Protein backbone atom coordinates (compact mmCIF):
# COMPACT_ATOMS: atom_id res chain seq x y z
CA MET A 1 5.64 -11.84 23.10
CA ASN A 2 3.95 -13.60 20.34
CA VAL A 3 0.60 -12.89 20.15
CA ILE A 4 -0.47 -14.53 16.94
CA GLU A 5 0.59 -17.82 14.79
CA THR A 6 0.28 -18.80 11.06
CA GLU A 7 1.76 -21.64 8.90
CA ARG A 8 4.23 -19.13 7.87
CA LEU A 9 4.32 -16.13 10.42
CA ILE A 10 4.93 -15.15 13.65
CA LEU A 11 3.12 -11.75 14.94
CA ARG A 12 4.36 -10.55 18.21
CA ARG A 13 4.69 -7.05 19.68
CA VAL A 14 6.92 -4.29 18.61
CA GLU A 15 9.50 -3.59 20.81
CA GLU A 16 11.97 -0.96 21.06
CA CYS A 17 14.59 -3.06 19.87
CA ASP A 18 12.78 -2.95 16.26
CA ALA A 19 13.40 0.56 15.90
CA ALA A 20 15.77 -0.23 12.80
CA PHE A 21 13.24 -2.24 11.33
CA ILE A 22 10.24 0.50 11.46
CA PHE A 23 12.46 3.17 10.51
CA THR A 24 12.76 1.16 7.26
CA LEU A 25 8.94 0.34 6.68
CA LEU A 26 8.11 3.96 7.56
CA ASN A 27 10.16 5.26 5.21
CA GLU A 28 9.03 3.06 2.33
CA PRO A 29 7.37 4.66 -0.82
CA GLY A 30 4.31 2.38 -0.57
CA TRP A 31 3.95 3.49 3.59
CA ILE A 32 4.17 7.30 2.47
CA GLU A 33 2.26 7.21 -0.32
CA TYR A 34 -0.79 4.79 1.28
CA ILE A 35 -0.47 5.65 4.80
CA GLY A 36 1.32 8.83 4.89
CA ASN A 37 4.82 10.52 5.87
CA LYS A 38 5.37 9.92 9.82
CA GLU A 39 8.63 12.11 9.64
CA ILE A 40 10.54 9.24 10.84
CA ARG A 41 13.97 10.22 9.95
CA THR A 42 16.20 8.66 12.47
CA THR A 43 16.04 5.53 14.62
CA GLU A 44 15.93 7.64 17.40
CA ASP A 45 12.55 8.77 15.73
CA ALA A 46 11.42 5.32 15.39
CA VAL A 47 12.03 4.39 18.79
CA HIS A 48 9.07 7.44 19.65
CA TYR A 49 6.96 6.04 17.46
CA ILE A 50 7.14 2.61 18.85
CA GLN A 51 6.53 3.95 22.34
CA ASN A 52 3.59 6.35 21.47
CA GLY A 53 1.98 4.11 18.42
CA PRO A 54 1.86 0.56 19.14
CA GLN A 55 3.31 -0.01 22.72
CA ALA A 56 0.52 2.93 23.70
CA MET A 57 -2.30 0.96 22.42
CA TYR A 58 -1.50 -2.38 23.68
CA GLU A 59 -1.08 -0.03 27.14
CA GLN A 60 -4.88 1.23 26.39
CA GLU A 61 -6.79 -1.12 24.29
CA GLY A 62 -4.60 -4.43 24.83
CA PHE A 63 -3.85 -4.76 21.28
CA GLY A 64 -2.27 -2.79 18.39
CA LEU A 65 -0.01 -2.92 15.06
CA PHE A 66 2.32 -6.61 15.69
CA LEU A 67 5.25 -6.89 14.12
CA VAL A 68 5.19 -9.65 11.32
CA GLU A 69 8.16 -11.99 11.12
CA LEU A 70 8.90 -15.21 9.11
CA LYS A 71 8.69 -18.30 11.38
CA GLU A 72 11.86 -19.69 9.34
CA ASN A 73 14.44 -16.82 10.21
CA HIS A 74 12.71 -14.73 12.05
CA SER A 75 13.21 -11.81 9.93
CA PRO A 76 10.84 -8.48 9.99
CA ILE A 77 8.72 -8.60 6.95
CA GLY A 78 5.90 -6.07 8.09
CA LEU A 79 3.33 -5.18 10.50
CA CYS A 80 -0.57 -5.82 10.76
CA GLY A 81 -2.62 -5.50 13.84
CA LEU A 82 -5.97 -3.77 15.34
CA ILE A 83 -6.00 -0.43 15.69
CA LYS A 84 -8.78 2.00 17.59
CA ARG A 85 -8.88 4.98 15.41
CA GLU A 86 -10.42 8.30 16.58
CA GLY A 87 -13.81 8.73 14.05
CA LEU A 88 -13.97 5.24 13.15
CA GLU A 89 -16.83 3.19 15.52
CA GLU A 90 -15.09 -0.39 15.37
CA VAL A 91 -11.71 -1.44 15.43
CA ASP A 92 -9.56 -1.13 12.45
CA ILE A 93 -7.57 -3.78 10.88
CA GLY A 94 -4.40 -2.45 9.72
CA PHE A 95 -1.40 -3.96 7.57
CA ALA A 96 2.03 -3.05 5.69
CA PHE A 97 4.88 -4.85 4.46
CA LEU A 98 8.06 -4.33 2.75
CA GLU A 99 8.39 -4.28 -0.77
CA ASP A 100 10.30 -7.05 -1.52
CA HIS A 101 7.73 -9.01 0.58
CA GLN A 102 4.30 -7.95 -0.97
CA SER A 103 2.89 -9.89 -3.57
CA ARG A 104 3.38 -13.63 -1.53
CA GLY A 105 0.56 -13.89 0.33
CA TYR A 106 1.93 -12.71 3.62
CA ALA A 107 -0.55 -9.69 4.30
CA LEU A 108 -3.54 -11.88 3.66
CA GLU A 109 -2.14 -14.63 6.01
CA ALA A 110 -1.38 -12.05 8.48
CA ALA A 111 -4.52 -10.35 8.38
CA LYS A 112 -6.74 -13.66 8.65
CA GLY A 113 -4.77 -14.42 11.70
CA THR A 114 -5.55 -11.11 12.56
CA ALA A 115 -9.18 -11.26 12.23
CA ALA A 116 -9.05 -14.74 13.78
CA TYR A 117 -7.47 -12.68 16.87
CA ALA A 118 -9.71 -10.21 16.98
CA LYS A 119 -12.94 -12.11 17.62
CA GLU A 120 -11.14 -14.63 20.35
CA ILE A 121 -10.55 -11.11 22.12
CA GLY A 122 -14.36 -10.51 21.56
CA LEU A 123 -14.58 -8.29 18.29
CA LYS A 124 -17.83 -8.23 16.73
CA ARG A 125 -16.86 -6.54 13.53
CA LEU A 126 -14.09 -5.14 11.98
CA ALA A 127 -13.25 -1.72 9.70
CA ALA A 128 -10.14 -1.43 7.44
CA ILE A 129 -9.85 2.05 5.46
CA THR A 130 -7.72 2.31 2.63
CA THR A 131 -6.90 5.39 -0.01
CA LYS A 132 -9.36 5.20 -3.04
CA ASP A 133 -6.39 4.63 -4.96
CA ASN A 134 -4.97 1.91 -2.86
CA LEU A 135 -6.31 -1.31 -4.93
CA PRO A 136 -4.03 -4.19 -3.67
CA SER A 137 -5.32 -3.22 0.00
CA SER A 138 -8.88 -2.93 -1.57
CA ARG A 139 -8.14 -6.21 -2.98
CA LEU A 140 -6.71 -7.84 -0.03
CA LEU A 141 -9.76 -6.35 2.42
CA GLU A 142 -12.38 -8.25 -0.25
CA LYS A 143 -10.31 -11.68 0.04
CA LEU A 144 -10.45 -11.22 3.70
CA GLY A 145 -14.24 -11.41 3.42
CA MET A 146 -14.56 -7.64 4.21
CA GLN A 147 -17.04 -5.52 2.09
CA LEU A 148 -17.27 -1.56 1.30
CA ASP A 149 -19.32 0.26 3.37
CA GLY A 150 -18.84 3.36 2.06
CA TYR A 151 -16.25 6.29 2.67
CA VAL A 152 -15.30 8.21 5.48
CA THR A 153 -13.19 10.86 6.58
CA LEU A 154 -10.86 10.60 9.84
CA PRO A 155 -11.11 13.57 12.41
CA HIS A 156 -7.79 16.04 11.28
CA ASP A 157 -7.85 14.55 7.86
CA THR A 158 -9.06 16.15 4.93
CA GLU A 159 -8.85 13.00 2.46
CA GLU A 160 -12.19 10.58 2.06
CA LEU A 161 -11.21 6.85 2.46
CA LYS A 162 -12.82 3.83 1.20
CA LYS A 163 -13.94 1.61 4.53
CA TYR A 164 -14.59 -1.48 4.56
CA THR A 165 -16.28 -3.70 7.24
CA MET A 166 -16.95 -7.57 8.48
CA THR A 167 -18.98 -9.42 11.17
CA LEU A 168 -16.97 -11.91 13.01
């Protein structure tokens, strides 16, 4: 089910048939370094991640992380979407892309589409979190129009993260 379309991208709900892609993305060095090791060791683990992550959030909130694919050939290149996290008052925008598809403007294009979607569904503010050393994500969030709004440590975690916010 397509949710967002931009000039070059389609953002759609993640399905169980996307498990091989999810396995690859969640084991990329950048995902593990900046987001964390989700212990996805098999495609079966990836199916469980899809069911308990994005699909569960679709059911609970009506939104979640969406699979980002190229419009021209429907190749999956990343995830971008909205997350309701424990410890954050606002809904969080999150994104991650395969290393081969970074630095091409896809993440910013997907994030802009996601922010517009957030406004369409009635959200008034968005947050984003990133590790203090993830400078590419910080730059992207600033290009999106977000401003650093302090630091936060999420429940069940010890790392202090940068928190960005914006009004929609």
